[in-house]
């Protein structure tokens, strides 16, 4: 699964991991916002790794959590959906607006294997100091370069280089972040 090979999600071991993630996610989402250390403890147990001074606003939704890695000083606004069937790496100093979706799963285009419940996943990598606007969707296998900005509502289907602004559906680069 993590290598991008076809797998079936109904595997008992995977289902047990997802159930554990649901329990921990519920604990985080239901936690008292005044209990910063308690919330951080849940996130350390849920996520693959979490840097210092990370702020995640509930609700948070993950498949496994253990494949999600978040760098230092990152801010994630309400409603992140991180389907971390493959690894998701979020760099340092990243800003995410509300209801961003990071989607690693893919399904066969051919109807027969899709009907047989085969699926795969491709990793997502978000560089340092990236800003992702609210309701943006980052598709499987995408890398977003450092310092880039993804506009609100963008659907990112292909890699985005460093130091650019990308908007639209599908997202396209419209300018450098350094343009005046």
C-alpha atoms as a PDB file:
ATOM      1  CA  UNK A   1       0.000   0.000   0.000  1.00  0.00           C
ATOM      2  CA  UNK A   2       2.720   2.486   1.014  1.00  0.00           C
ATOM      3  CA  UNK A   3       4.729   1.525  -2.099  1.00  0.00           C
ATOM      4  CA  UNK A   4       1.833   2.522  -4.365  1.00  0.00           C
ATOM      5  CA  UNK A   5       0.866  -1.064  -5.198  1.00  0.00           C
ATOM      6  CA  UNK A   6      -2.734  -2.211  -5.476  1.00  0.00           C
ATOM      7  CA  UNK A   7      -4.280  -3.423  -2.224  1.00  0.00           C
ATOM      8  CA  UNK A   8      -7.694  -4.034  -0.725  1.00  0.00           C
ATOM      9  CA  UNK A   9      -8.782  -1.689   2.040  1.00  0.00           C
ATOM     10  CA  UNK A  10     -10.916  -4.380   3.694  1.00  0.00           C
ATOM     11  CA  UNK A  11      -7.764  -6.130   4.983  1.00  0.00           C
ATOM     12  CA  UNK A  12      -8.311  -6.899   8.712  1.00  0.00           C
ATOM     13  CA  UNK A  13      -4.965  -5.394   9.759  1.00  0.00           C
ATOM     14  CA  UNK A  14      -5.693  -2.170   7.869  1.00  0.00           C
ATOM     15  CA  UNK A  15      -9.205  -2.018   9.292  1.00  0.00           C
ATOM     16  CA  UNK A  16      -7.779  -2.330  12.831  1.00  0.00           C
ATOM     17  CA  UNK A  17      -5.350   0.533  12.148  1.00  0.00           C
ATOM     18  CA  UNK A  18      -8.174   2.676  10.775  1.00  0.00           C
ATOM     19  CA  UNK A  19     -10.350   1.936  13.809  1.00  0.00           C
ATOM     20  CA  UNK A  20      -7.531   3.009  16.147  1.00  0.00           C
ATOM     21  CA  UNK A  21      -7.136   6.210  14.111  1.00  0.00           C
ATOM     22  CA  UNK A  22     -10.893   6.876  14.381  1.00  0.00           C
ATOM     23  CA  UNK A  23     -10.747   6.505  18.166  1.00  0.00           C
ATOM     24  CA  UNK A  24      -7.778   8.880  18.477  1.00  0.00           C
ATOM     25  CA  UNK A  25      -9.241  11.354  15.990  1.00  0.00           C
ATOM     26  CA  UNK A  26     -12.492  11.445  17.947  1.00  0.00           C
ATOM     27  CA  UNK A  27     -10.521  12.051  21.149  1.00  0.00           C
ATOM     28  CA  UNK A  28      -8.708  14.972  19.499  1.00  0.00           C
ATOM     29  CA  UNK A  29     -11.840  16.420  17.894  1.00  0.00           C
ATOM     30  CA  UNK A  30     -13.773  16.213  21.173  1.00  0.00           C
ATOM     31  CA  UNK A  31     -10.908  17.563  23.318  1.00  0.00           C
ATOM     32  CA  UNK A  32     -11.049  20.734  25.376  1.00  0.00           C
ATOM     33  CA  UNK A  33      -9.234  23.517  23.479  1.00  0.00           C
ATOM     34  CA  UNK A  34      -7.817  24.726  26.815  1.00  0.00           C
ATOM     35  CA  UNK A  35      -5.991  21.386  27.278  1.00  0.00           C
ATOM     36  CA  UNK A  36      -3.084  21.992  24.926  1.00  0.00           C
ATOM     37  CA  UNK A  37      -0.863  19.266  26.395  1.00  0.00           C
ATOM     38  CA  UNK A  38      -3.660  16.677  26.352  1.00  0.00           C
ATOM     39  CA  UNK A  39      -4.470  17.474  22.735  1.00  0.00           C
ATOM     40  CA  UNK A  40      -0.786  17.311  21.777  1.00  0.00           C
ATOM     41  CA  UNK A  41      -0.467  13.923  23.494  1.00  0.00           C
ATOM     42  CA  UNK A  42      -3.327  12.549  21.369  1.00  0.00           C
ATOM     43  CA  UNK A  43      -1.752  13.978  18.207  1.00  0.00           C
ATOM     44  CA  UNK A  44       1.642  12.427  19.072  1.00  0.00           C
ATOM     45  CA  UNK A  45      -0.075   9.050  19.383  1.00  0.00           C
ATOM     46  CA  UNK A  46      -2.161   9.510  16.224  1.00  0.00           C
ATOM     47  CA  UNK A  47       0.298  11.048  13.766  1.00  0.00           C
ATOM     48  CA  UNK A  48       3.489   9.692  12.236  1.00  0.00           C
ATOM     49  CA  UNK A  49       5.302  12.789  13.486  1.00  0.00           C
ATOM     50  CA  UNK A  50       4.447  16.297  14.611  1.00  0.00           C
ATOM     51  CA  UNK A  51       6.836  19.219  14.998  1.00  0.00           C
ATOM     52  CA  UNK A  52       6.983  21.897  17.662  1.00  0.00           C
ATOM     53  CA  UNK A  53       4.433  24.708  17.843  1.00  0.00           C
ATOM     54  CA  UNK A  54       1.983  22.998  15.472  1.00  0.00           C
ATOM     55  CA  UNK A  55      -1.606  24.236  15.711  1.00  0.00           C
ATOM     56  CA  UNK A  56      -4.348  21.998  14.279  1.00  0.00           C
ATOM     57  CA  UNK A  57      -7.943  23.178  14.650  1.00  0.00           C
ATOM     58  CA  UNK A  58     -10.521  20.383  14.921  1.00  0.00           C
ATOM     59  CA  UNK A  59     -12.183  18.676  13.290  1.00  0.00           C
ATOM     60  CA  UNK A  60      -9.366  16.630  11.810  1.00  0.00           C
ATOM     61  CA  UNK A  61     -10.082  13.610   9.596  1.00  0.00           C
ATOM     62  CA  UNK A  62      -7.491  10.938   8.702  1.00  0.00           C
ATOM     63  CA  UNK A  63      -7.482   7.364   7.427  1.00  0.00           C
ATOM     64  CA  UNK A  64      -4.528   6.136   9.495  1.00  0.00           C
ATOM     65  CA  UNK A  65      -2.825   9.212  10.945  1.00  0.00           C
ATOM     66  CA  UNK A  66       0.438   7.286  11.204  1.00  0.00           C
ATOM     67  CA  UNK A  67       1.357   8.219   7.618  1.00  0.00           C
ATOM     68  CA  UNK A  68       0.879  11.949   8.253  1.00  0.00           C
ATOM     69  CA  UNK A  69       3.982  13.985   9.155  1.00  0.00           C
ATOM     70  CA  UNK A  70       3.745  17.680  10.068  1.00  0.00           C
ATOM     71  CA  UNK A  71       6.694  20.062  10.395  1.00  0.00           C
ATOM     72  CA  UNK A  72       7.406  22.738  13.006  1.00  0.00           C
ATOM     73  CA  UNK A  73       5.263  25.867  13.336  1.00  0.00           C
ATOM     74  CA  UNK A  74       2.582  24.685  10.922  1.00  0.00           C
ATOM     75  CA  UNK A  75      -0.963  26.001  11.265  1.00  0.00           C
ATOM     76  CA  UNK A  76      -3.887  23.898  10.027  1.00  0.00           C
ATOM     77  CA  UNK A  77      -7.300  25.516  10.170  1.00  0.00           C
ATOM     78  CA  UNK A  78     -10.632  23.725  10.768  1.00  0.00           C
ATOM     79  CA  UNK A  79     -11.597  20.624   8.831  1.00  0.00           C
ATOM     80  CA  UNK A  80      -8.408  19.123   7.371  1.00  0.00           C
ATOM     81  CA  UNK A  81      -9.134  15.850   5.579  1.00  0.00           C
ATOM     82  CA  UNK A  82      -5.858  13.953   5.192  1.00  0.00           C
ATOM     83  CA  UNK A  83      -6.517  10.578   3.579  1.00  0.00           C
ATOM     84  CA  UNK A  84      -3.084   9.237   4.441  1.00  0.00           C
ATOM     85  CA  UNK A  85      -3.193   5.838   2.767  1.00  0.00           C
ATOM     86  CA  UNK A  86       0.241   6.811   1.404  1.00  0.00           C
ATOM     87  CA  UNK A  87       2.634   9.114   3.209  1.00  0.00           C
ATOM     88  CA  UNK A  88       1.764  12.799   3.519  1.00  0.00           C
ATOM     89  CA  UNK A  89       4.650  15.102   4.452  1.00  0.00           C
ATOM     90  CA  UNK A  90       3.839  18.693   5.392  1.00  0.00           C
ATOM     91  CA  UNK A  91       6.874  20.950   5.787  1.00  0.00           C
ATOM     92  CA  UNK A  92       7.672  23.611   8.355  1.00  0.00           C
ATOM     93  CA  UNK A  93       5.830  26.935   8.613  1.00  0.00           C
ATOM     94  CA  UNK A  94       2.951  25.756   6.392  1.00  0.00           C
ATOM     95  CA  UNK A  95      -0.421  27.531   6.572  1.00  0.00           C
ATOM     96  CA  UNK A  96      -3.622  25.696   5.581  1.00  0.00           C
ATOM     97  CA  UNK A  97      -7.029  27.286   5.318  1.00  0.00           C
ATOM     98  CA  UNK A  98     -10.233  25.558   6.401  1.00  0.00           C
ATOM     99  CA  UNK A  99     -11.481  22.360   4.761  1.00  0.00           C
ATOM    100  CA  UNK A 100      -8.309  21.512   2.830  1.00  0.00           C
ATOM    101  CA  UNK A 101      -8.235  17.966   1.432  1.00  0.00           C
ATOM    102  CA  UNK A 102      -5.026  15.956   1.028  1.00  0.00           C
ATOM    103  CA  UNK A 103      -6.061  12.853  -0.911  1.00  0.00           C
ATOM    104  CA  UNK A 104      -3.530  10.043  -1.500  1.00  0.00           C
ATOM    105  CA  UNK A 105      -5.906   7.193  -2.560  1.00  0.00           C
ATOM    106  CA  UNK A 106      -6.442   6.307  -6.205  1.00  0.00           C
ATOM    107  CA  UNK A 107      -8.716   3.749  -7.829  1.00  0.00           C
ATOM    108  CA  UNK A 108      -8.355   1.846 -11.108  1.00  0.00           C
ATOM    109  CA  UNK A 109      -9.972   3.419 -14.148  1.00  0.00           C
ATOM    110  CA  UNK A 110     -10.714  -0.100 -15.436  1.00  0.00           C
ATOM    111  CA  UNK A 111     -14.123  -1.045 -13.977  1.00  0.00           C
ATOM    112  CA  UNK A 112     -13.314  -4.706 -13.200  1.00  0.00           C
ATOM    113  CA  UNK A 113     -10.505  -4.174 -10.657  1.00  0.00           C
ATOM    114  CA  UNK A 114     -12.422  -1.215  -9.244  1.00  0.00           C
ATOM    115  CA  UNK A 115     -15.478  -3.450  -8.743  1.00  0.00           C
ATOM    116  CA  UNK A 116     -13.186  -5.989  -7.051  1.00  0.00           C
ATOM    117  CA  UNK A 117     -12.309  -3.203  -4.538  1.00  0.00           C
ATOM    118  CA  UNK A 118      -8.650  -2.800  -5.545  1.00  0.00           C
ATOM    119  CA  UNK A 119      -7.125   0.581  -4.809  1.00  0.00           C
ATOM    120  CA  UNK A 120      -3.715   2.228  -4.562  1.00  0.00           C
ATOM    121  CA  UNK A 121      -2.226   5.443  -3.187  1.00  0.00           C
ATOM    122  CA  UNK A 122       0.468   7.960  -4.059  1.00  0.00           C
ATOM    123  CA  UNK A 123       2.286  10.209  -1.546  1.00  0.00           C
ATOM    124  CA  UNK A 124       1.808  13.957  -1.147  1.00  0.00           C
ATOM    125  CA  UNK A 125       4.653  16.313  -0.206  1.00  0.00           C
ATOM    126  CA  UNK A 126       4.158  19.943   0.797  1.00  0.00           C
ATOM    127  CA  UNK A 127       7.328  22.035   1.065  1.00  0.00           C
ATOM    128  CA  UNK A 128       8.278  24.521   3.765  1.00  0.00           C
ATOM    129  CA  UNK A 129       6.471  27.862   4.041  1.00  0.00           C
ATOM    130  CA  UNK A 130       3.613  26.907   1.708  1.00  0.00           C
ATOM    131  CA  UNK A 131       0.207  28.576   2.070  1.00  0.00           C
ATOM    132  CA  UNK A 132      -2.806  26.506   0.958  1.00  0.00           C
ATOM    133  CA  UNK A 133      -6.085  28.392   0.739  1.00  0.00           C
ATOM    134  CA  UNK A 134      -9.380  27.117   2.104  1.00  0.00           C
ATOM    135  CA  UNK A 135     -11.132  24.233   0.377  1.00  0.00           C
ATOM    136  CA  UNK A 136      -8.150  23.421  -1.845  1.00  0.00           C
ATOM    137  CA  UNK A 137      -7.805  19.790  -2.918  1.00  0.00           C
ATOM    138  CA  UNK A 138      -4.361  18.219  -3.293  1.00  0.00           C
ATOM    139  CA  UNK A 139      -4.544  15.047  -5.408  1.00  0.00           C
ATOM    140  CA  UNK A 140      -2.499  11.822  -5.147  1.00  0.00           C
ATOM    141  CA  UNK A 141       1.187  11.997  -5.989  1.00  0.00           C
ATOM    142  CA  UNK A 142       1.474  15.800  -5.893  1.00  0.00           C
ATOM    143  CA  UNK A 143       4.482  17.718  -4.595  1.00  0.00           C
ATOM    144  CA  UNK A 144       4.162  21.439  -3.816  1.00  0.00           C
ATOM    145  CA  UNK A 145       7.464  23.329  -3.756  1.00  0.00           C
ATOM    146  CA  UNK A 146       8.638  25.564  -0.903  1.00  0.00           C
ATOM    147  CA  UNK A 147       7.188  29.066  -0.531  1.00  0.00           C
ATOM    148  CA  UNK A 148       4.355  28.486  -3.003  1.00  0.00           C
ATOM    149  CA  UNK A 149       0.765  29.621  -2.573  1.00  0.00           C
ATOM    150  CA  UNK A 150      -2.227  27.493  -3.574  1.00  0.00           C
ATOM    151  CA  UNK A 151      -5.378  29.567  -4.057  1.00  0.00           C
ATOM    152  CA  UNK A 152      -8.613  28.847  -2.241  1.00  0.00           C
ATOM    153  CA  UNK A 153     -10.661  26.177  -3.975  1.00  0.00           C
ATOM    154  CA  UNK A 154      -7.806  25.067  -6.242  1.00  0.00           C
ATOM    155  CA  UNK A 155      -7.640  21.442  -7.350  1.00  0.00           C
ATOM    156  CA  UNK A 156      -3.969  20.506  -7.583  1.00  0.00           C
ATOM    157  CA  UNK A 157      -3.553  17.547  -9.936  1.00  0.00           C
ATOM    158  CA  UNK A 158       0.146  18.000 -10.832  1.00  0.00           C
ATOM    159  CA  UNK A 159       3.334  19.077  -9.085  1.00  0.00           C
ATOM    160  CA  UNK A 160       3.684  22.789  -8.328  1.00  0.00           C
ATOM    161  CA  UNK A 161       7.213  24.247  -8.344  1.00  0.00           C
ATOM    162  CA  UNK A 162       8.685  26.362  -5.558  1.00  0.00           C
ATOM    163  CA  UNK A 163       8.031  30.114  -5.286  1.00  0.00           C
ATOM    164  CA  UNK A 164       4.839  30.363  -7.377  1.00  0.00           C
ATOM    165  CA  UNK A 165       1.141  31.127  -7.000  1.00  0.00           C
ATOM    166  CA  UNK A 166      -1.203  28.457  -8.418  1.00  0.00           C
ATOM    167  CA  UNK A 167      -4.999  28.747  -8.693  1.00  0.00           C
ATOM    168  CA  UNK A 168      -7.975  27.142 -10.390  1.00  0.00           C
ATOM    169  CA  UNK A 169      -9.317  23.748 -11.395  1.00  0.00           C
ATOM    170  CA  UNK A 170      -7.061  22.220 -12.418  1.00  0.00           C
ATOM    171  CA  UNK A 171      -4.561  24.433 -10.613  1.00  0.00           C
ATOM    172  CA  UNK A 172      -2.168  26.326 -12.847  1.00  0.00           C
ATOM    173  CA  UNK A 173       0.724  28.627 -12.055  1.00  0.00           C
ATOM    174  CA  UNK A 174      -0.215  32.271 -12.607  1.00  0.00           C
ATOM    175  CA  UNK A 175       2.880  34.058 -11.304  1.00  0.00           C
ATOM    176  CA  UNK A 176       5.949  34.019  -9.087  1.00  0.00           C
ATOM    177  CA  UNK A 177       5.488  34.791  -5.392  1.00  0.00           C
ATOM    178  CA  UNK A 178       8.128  37.503  -5.872  1.00  0.00           C
ATOM    179  CA  UNK A 179       6.196  39.424  -8.568  1.00  0.00           C
ATOM    180  CA  UNK A 180       5.122  42.926  -7.598  1.00  0.00           C
END
